[in-house]
Amino acid sequence: MLQIHQFPCLSDNYGFLVHDPASGATATIDTPDADEILRQAAVKGWRITDVWNTHWHPDHAGGNAAIKAATGALVTGPAEVERIGAAPDRVVAENDVIKLGAAEARVLDVGGHTLGHIAYVFDSEDVAFVGDALFALGCGRLFEGTPQQMWTSLQKIAALPDEATLYCAHEYTQSNARFAVTVDSGNAALAARAAEIDQLRAAGKPTVPMTLRIEKATNPFLRAPALKPSLGLEGAADWEAFAEVRRRKDAFKG
């Protein structure tokens, strides 16, 4: 059984340390804040052996060099990580399988936020680290990819077991909820979740991780096909409904 330690860093990122007790191997999923990641690992008594990047953005790969220098960790990630100045030691892509101790993680290509964005899925644990591809009640802005590409990527995540636990990289949920209710106002499950999120944040508690089941029931980006009538897009392709939800979110000022 893997041990996962989640902690806040930077302004709204989460850091994740994944530890295999049997082997002692520990991976940091992305490197938003090298100093805080190293401090958290020291508090846990875990030695970082691996860095697993989801994409190239500096708040996800910017701490690679510092952590590698401090620990000698092996850096694994998509080829696009080269864009911040250091190639991964091991480049991975769709359907590759990598190990942390005896635990295996499957790589999904979930491009859209960036073209080469990947996710790491521990099928035996029903756990996925999805970076900025999917957020609680949201999804990543399309900085590089197309709506069609992103919709395809989200469907890969949606195909995981409903009870899968999803770890996304940012605490955006409260603002995502404020938008979600504007496009899915008749969704009682969403209204209840939005109220729960407000309570959690008022108490200083995280809204991450989340289950895929609750995302399927409340996330307007995953629910885009069901929202076609209210979006005025009857007969449109599913990705076109998704694109309209993304467009509205990009323009949302709440």
Protein backbone atom coordinates (compact mmCIF):
# COMPACT_ATOMS: atom_id res chain seq x y z
CA MET A 1 0.00 0.00 0.00
CA LEU A 2 1.51 3.31 -1.10
CA GLN A 3 1.59 6.22 1.32
CA ILE A 4 0.69 9.64 -0.11
CA HIS A 5 1.57 12.88 1.62
CA GLN A 6 -0.14 16.03 0.30
CA PHE A 7 0.80 19.56 1.34
CA PRO A 8 0.19 23.12 0.11
CA CYS A 9 2.96 25.14 -1.50
CA LEU A 10 3.35 28.34 -3.50
CA SER A 11 0.08 30.30 -3.63
CA ASP A 12 -2.33 27.53 -4.62
CA ASN A 13 -0.31 24.46 -5.64
CA TYR A 14 -0.22 21.11 -3.89
CA GLY A 15 2.89 19.01 -3.50
CA PHE A 16 2.62 15.23 -3.40
CA LEU A 17 5.09 12.71 -2.05
CA VAL A 18 4.35 9.08 -2.89
CA HIS A 19 6.18 6.55 -0.72
CA ASP A 20 6.56 2.78 -1.08
CA PRO A 21 7.23 1.51 2.48
CA ALA A 22 8.57 -1.85 1.31
CA SER A 23 11.40 -0.43 -0.80
CA GLY A 24 11.75 3.03 0.72
CA ALA A 25 11.35 4.61 -2.73
CA THR A 26 9.69 8.04 -2.74
CA ALA A 27 8.53 10.09 -5.71
CA THR A 28 7.61 13.74 -5.76
CA ILE A 29 4.85 14.33 -8.29
CA ASP A 30 6.01 17.57 -9.93
CA THR A 31 8.33 20.06 -8.24
CA PRO A 32 6.43 23.31 -7.59
CA ASP A 33 8.60 24.34 -4.61
CA ALA A 34 11.86 22.45 -4.14
CA ASP A 35 12.58 23.80 -0.65
CA GLU A 36 9.15 22.86 0.69
CA ILE A 37 9.23 19.45 -0.96
CA LEU A 38 12.61 18.67 0.57
CA ARG A 39 11.43 19.94 3.96
CA GLN A 40 8.30 17.82 3.86
CA ALA A 41 10.29 14.73 2.86
CA ALA A 42 12.68 15.30 5.76
CA VAL A 43 9.79 15.63 8.22
CA LYS A 44 8.38 12.31 6.97
CA GLY A 45 11.80 10.68 7.05
CA TRP A 46 11.51 9.77 3.37
CA ARG A 47 14.39 9.99 0.87
CA ILE A 48 13.27 11.29 -2.50
CA THR A 49 14.40 8.81 -5.15
CA ASP A 50 12.25 9.97 -8.06
CA VAL A 51 10.76 13.08 -9.64
CA TRP A 52 7.72 12.47 -11.85
CA ASN A 53 6.66 15.47 -13.90
CA THR A 54 3.23 15.86 -15.49
CA HIS A 55 4.14 18.80 -17.77
CA TRP A 56 6.70 21.50 -18.37
CA HIS A 57 5.24 24.55 -16.60
CA PRO A 58 7.64 26.04 -14.03
CA ASP A 59 5.24 25.47 -11.13
CA HIS A 60 5.42 21.76 -12.01
CA ALA A 61 9.00 21.21 -13.14
CA GLY A 62 10.85 24.30 -11.95
CA GLY A 63 12.28 22.56 -8.88
CA ASN A 64 13.71 19.58 -10.76
CA ALA A 65 17.32 20.70 -10.75
CA ALA A 66 17.38 21.62 -7.07
CA ILE A 67 15.78 18.35 -5.97
CA LYS A 68 18.03 16.30 -8.22
CA ALA A 69 21.09 18.11 -6.86
CA ALA A 70 20.00 17.51 -3.26
CA THR A 71 18.93 13.88 -3.62
CA GLY A 72 20.25 12.38 -6.85
CA ALA A 73 16.65 11.57 -7.81
CA LEU A 74 15.83 10.12 -11.23
CA VAL A 75 13.65 12.58 -13.18
CA THR A 76 10.85 11.10 -15.27
CA GLY A 77 8.49 13.13 -17.43
CA PRO A 78 7.25 14.01 -20.90
CA ALA A 79 9.77 15.23 -23.46
CA GLU A 80 8.38 18.78 -23.21
CA VAL A 81 10.09 19.22 -19.82
CA GLU A 82 13.20 20.05 -21.87
CA ARG A 83 11.59 23.48 -22.42
CA ILE A 84 12.64 24.66 -18.96
CA GLY A 85 16.27 23.81 -19.55
CA ALA A 86 16.80 20.24 -18.35
CA ALA A 87 15.78 17.08 -20.14
CA PRO A 88 14.25 14.33 -18.00
CA ASP A 89 16.51 11.35 -17.29
CA ARG A 90 13.67 9.18 -18.57
CA VAL A 91 11.10 10.34 -21.12
CA VAL A 92 7.73 8.60 -20.97
CA ALA A 93 4.60 8.65 -23.09
CA GLU A 94 1.19 6.99 -23.41
CA ASN A 95 1.04 3.37 -22.20
CA ASP A 96 4.53 3.37 -20.68
CA VAL A 97 4.67 1.73 -17.26
CA ILE A 98 7.07 2.93 -14.57
CA LYS A 99 7.74 1.61 -11.09
CA LEU A 100 8.03 3.05 -7.62
CA GLY A 101 9.40 0.14 -5.68
CA ALA A 102 7.07 -2.71 -6.63
CA ALA A 103 4.16 -0.38 -7.45
CA GLU A 104 3.47 0.22 -11.12
CA ALA A 105 2.13 3.44 -12.63
CA ARG A 106 0.65 3.66 -16.11
CA VAL A 107 1.21 6.81 -18.17
CA LEU A 108 -1.72 8.51 -19.88
CA ASP A 109 -1.31 11.15 -22.57
CA VAL A 110 -3.71 13.88 -21.43
CA GLY A 111 -2.49 16.72 -23.62
CA GLY A 112 -4.46 19.93 -24.00
CA HIS A 113 -3.35 22.20 -21.16
CA THR A 114 0.08 21.63 -22.69
CA LEU A 115 0.61 19.45 -25.72
CA GLY A 116 2.63 16.82 -23.88
CA HIS A 117 0.83 16.75 -20.53
CA ILE A 118 0.70 13.27 -18.95
CA ALA A 119 -0.95 11.66 -15.93
CA TYR A 120 0.26 8.81 -13.73
CA VAL A 121 -2.23 6.07 -12.84
CA PHE A 122 -1.62 3.49 -10.11
CA ASP A 123 -4.27 0.99 -11.16
CA SER A 124 -3.65 -1.30 -8.20
CA GLU A 125 -4.31 1.61 -5.83
CA ASP A 126 -7.14 3.26 -7.80
CA VAL A 127 -5.14 6.49 -7.66
CA ALA A 128 -4.26 8.94 -10.43
CA PHE A 129 -2.12 12.07 -10.41
CA VAL A 130 -3.64 14.25 -13.11
CA GLY A 131 -1.63 17.48 -12.81
CA ASP A 132 -3.49 20.34 -14.48
CA ALA A 133 -5.53 18.20 -16.88
CA LEU A 134 -8.52 17.85 -14.57
CA PHE A 135 -9.30 19.90 -11.47
CA ALA A 136 -11.98 19.45 -8.87
CA LEU A 137 -14.97 20.94 -10.73
CA GLY A 138 -12.68 22.19 -13.48
CA CYS A 139 -10.03 21.43 -16.06
CA GLY A 140 -6.84 23.06 -17.24
CA ARG A 141 -6.94 26.10 -19.49
CA LEU A 142 -6.05 25.27 -23.09
CA PHE A 143 -2.71 27.04 -23.39
CA GLU A 144 -1.45 24.81 -26.20
CA GLY A 145 -3.97 22.16 -27.22
CA THR A 146 -7.33 22.15 -28.96
CA PRO A 147 -10.76 21.50 -27.45
CA GLN A 148 -10.94 18.20 -29.33
CA GLN A 149 -7.62 17.10 -27.87
CA MET A 150 -8.57 18.11 -24.36
CA TRP A 151 -11.95 16.41 -24.58
CA THR A 152 -10.24 13.19 -25.67
CA SER A 153 -7.84 13.52 -22.75
CA LEU A 154 -10.63 14.03 -20.24
CA GLN A 155 -12.38 10.94 -21.56
CA LYS A 156 -9.30 8.88 -20.75
CA ILE A 157 -9.50 10.07 -17.15
CA ALA A 158 -13.26 9.50 -17.09
CA ALA A 159 -12.68 5.88 -18.16
CA LEU A 160 -10.94 5.11 -14.86
CA PRO A 161 -12.99 3.37 -12.14
CA ASP A 162 -15.58 5.63 -10.56
CA GLU A 163 -14.00 5.12 -7.14
CA ALA A 164 -10.57 6.23 -8.35
CA THR A 165 -9.01 8.96 -6.23
CA LEU A 166 -7.76 11.88 -8.32
CA TYR A 167 -4.98 14.16 -7.15
CA CYS A 168 -4.95 17.45 -9.04
CA ALA A 169 -2.27 20.07 -8.60
CA HIS A 170 -4.12 23.23 -7.53
CA GLU A 171 -6.67 24.43 -4.99
CA TYR A 172 -9.01 26.07 -7.49
CA THR A 173 -12.19 24.34 -6.38
CA GLN A 174 -14.07 27.18 -4.75
CA SER A 175 -13.77 29.45 -7.79
CA ASN A 176 -14.52 26.50 -10.07
CA ALA A 177 -17.72 25.88 -8.10
CA ARG A 178 -18.83 29.48 -8.52
CA PHE A 179 -18.58 29.02 -12.27
CA ALA A 180 -20.02 25.51 -12.38
CA VAL A 181 -23.36 26.55 -10.92
CA THR A 182 -23.78 29.13 -13.71
CA VAL A 183 -23.82 26.45 -16.42
CA ASP A 184 -25.38 23.57 -14.45
CA SER A 185 -27.83 25.35 -12.18
CA GLY A 186 -30.32 22.49 -11.94
CA ASN A 187 -27.77 20.01 -10.60
CA ALA A 188 -28.66 19.26 -6.97
CA ALA A 189 -25.45 17.27 -6.44
CA LEU A 190 -23.43 20.26 -7.61
CA ALA A 191 -25.30 22.66 -5.33
CA ALA A 192 -24.65 20.40 -2.35
CA ARG A 193 -20.99 20.03 -3.28
CA ALA A 194 -20.53 23.78 -3.69
CA ALA A 195 -21.88 24.32 -0.17
CA GLU A 196 -19.56 21.64 1.21
CA ILE A 197 -16.59 23.23 -0.56
CA ASP A 198 -17.35 26.61 1.02
CA GLN A 199 -17.39 24.94 4.44
CA LEU A 200 -14.10 23.14 3.83
CA ARG A 201 -12.32 26.28 2.66
CA ALA A 202 -13.73 28.36 5.52
CA ALA A 203 -12.16 25.78 7.85
CA GLY A 204 -8.85 25.94 5.97
CA LYS A 205 -9.21 22.38 4.68
CA PRO A 206 -8.30 21.12 1.19
CA THR A 207 -10.83 20.04 -1.42
CA VAL A 208 -8.26 17.76 -3.07
CA PRO A 209 -8.17 14.81 -3.68
CA MET A 210 -11.55 13.94 -5.09
CA THR A 211 -13.19 10.83 -6.50
CA LEU A 212 -13.94 10.39 -10.16
CA ARG A 213 -17.53 9.53 -9.23
CA ILE A 214 -18.18 12.98 -7.75
CA GLU A 215 -16.46 14.65 -10.70
CA LYS A 216 -18.67 12.81 -13.17
CA ALA A 217 -21.73 13.97 -11.25
CA THR A 218 -20.76 17.61 -10.78
CA ASN A 219 -17.87 18.77 -13.01
CA PRO A 220 -19.36 20.77 -15.92
CA PHE A 221 -16.42 19.94 -18.17
CA LEU A 222 -17.07 16.21 -17.85
CA ARG A 223 -20.83 16.83 -17.98
CA ALA A 224 -20.66 18.99 -21.10
CA PRO A 225 -22.67 16.57 -23.31
CA ALA A 226 -25.55 16.62 -20.81
CA LEU A 227 -25.50 20.42 -20.83
CA LYS A 228 -26.04 20.80 -24.59
CA PRO A 229 -29.69 21.92 -24.29
CA SER A 230 -28.89 24.70 -21.81
CA LEU A 231 -25.87 25.70 -23.88
CA GLY A 232 -28.01 25.98 -27.02
CA LEU A 233 -25.99 23.25 -28.69
CA GLU A 234 -28.48 20.46 -29.37
CA GLY A 235 -27.03 18.23 -32.07
CA ALA A 236 -23.47 19.46 -31.54
CA ALA A 237 -20.53 17.14 -31.02
CA ASP A 238 -19.58 16.42 -27.43
CA TRP A 239 -16.27 18.23 -27.84
CA GLU A 240 -18.11 21.31 -29.09
CA ALA A 241 -20.18 21.39 -25.90
CA PHE A 242 -16.96 21.06 -23.92
CA ALA A 243 -15.41 23.89 -25.93
CA GLU A 244 -18.35 26.16 -25.10
CA VAL A 245 -18.07 25.39 -21.37
CA ARG A 246 -14.33 26.13 -21.56
CA ARG A 247 -15.00 29.39 -23.42
CA ARG A 248 -17.46 30.51 -20.76
CA LYS A 249 -15.06 29.61 -17.99
CA ASP A 250 -12.28 31.60 -19.63
CA ALA A 251 -14.56 34.66 -19.69
CA PHE A 252 -15.98 34.13 -16.18
CA LYS A 253 -15.28 36.98 -13.76
CA GLY A 254 -16.66 35.43 -10.56
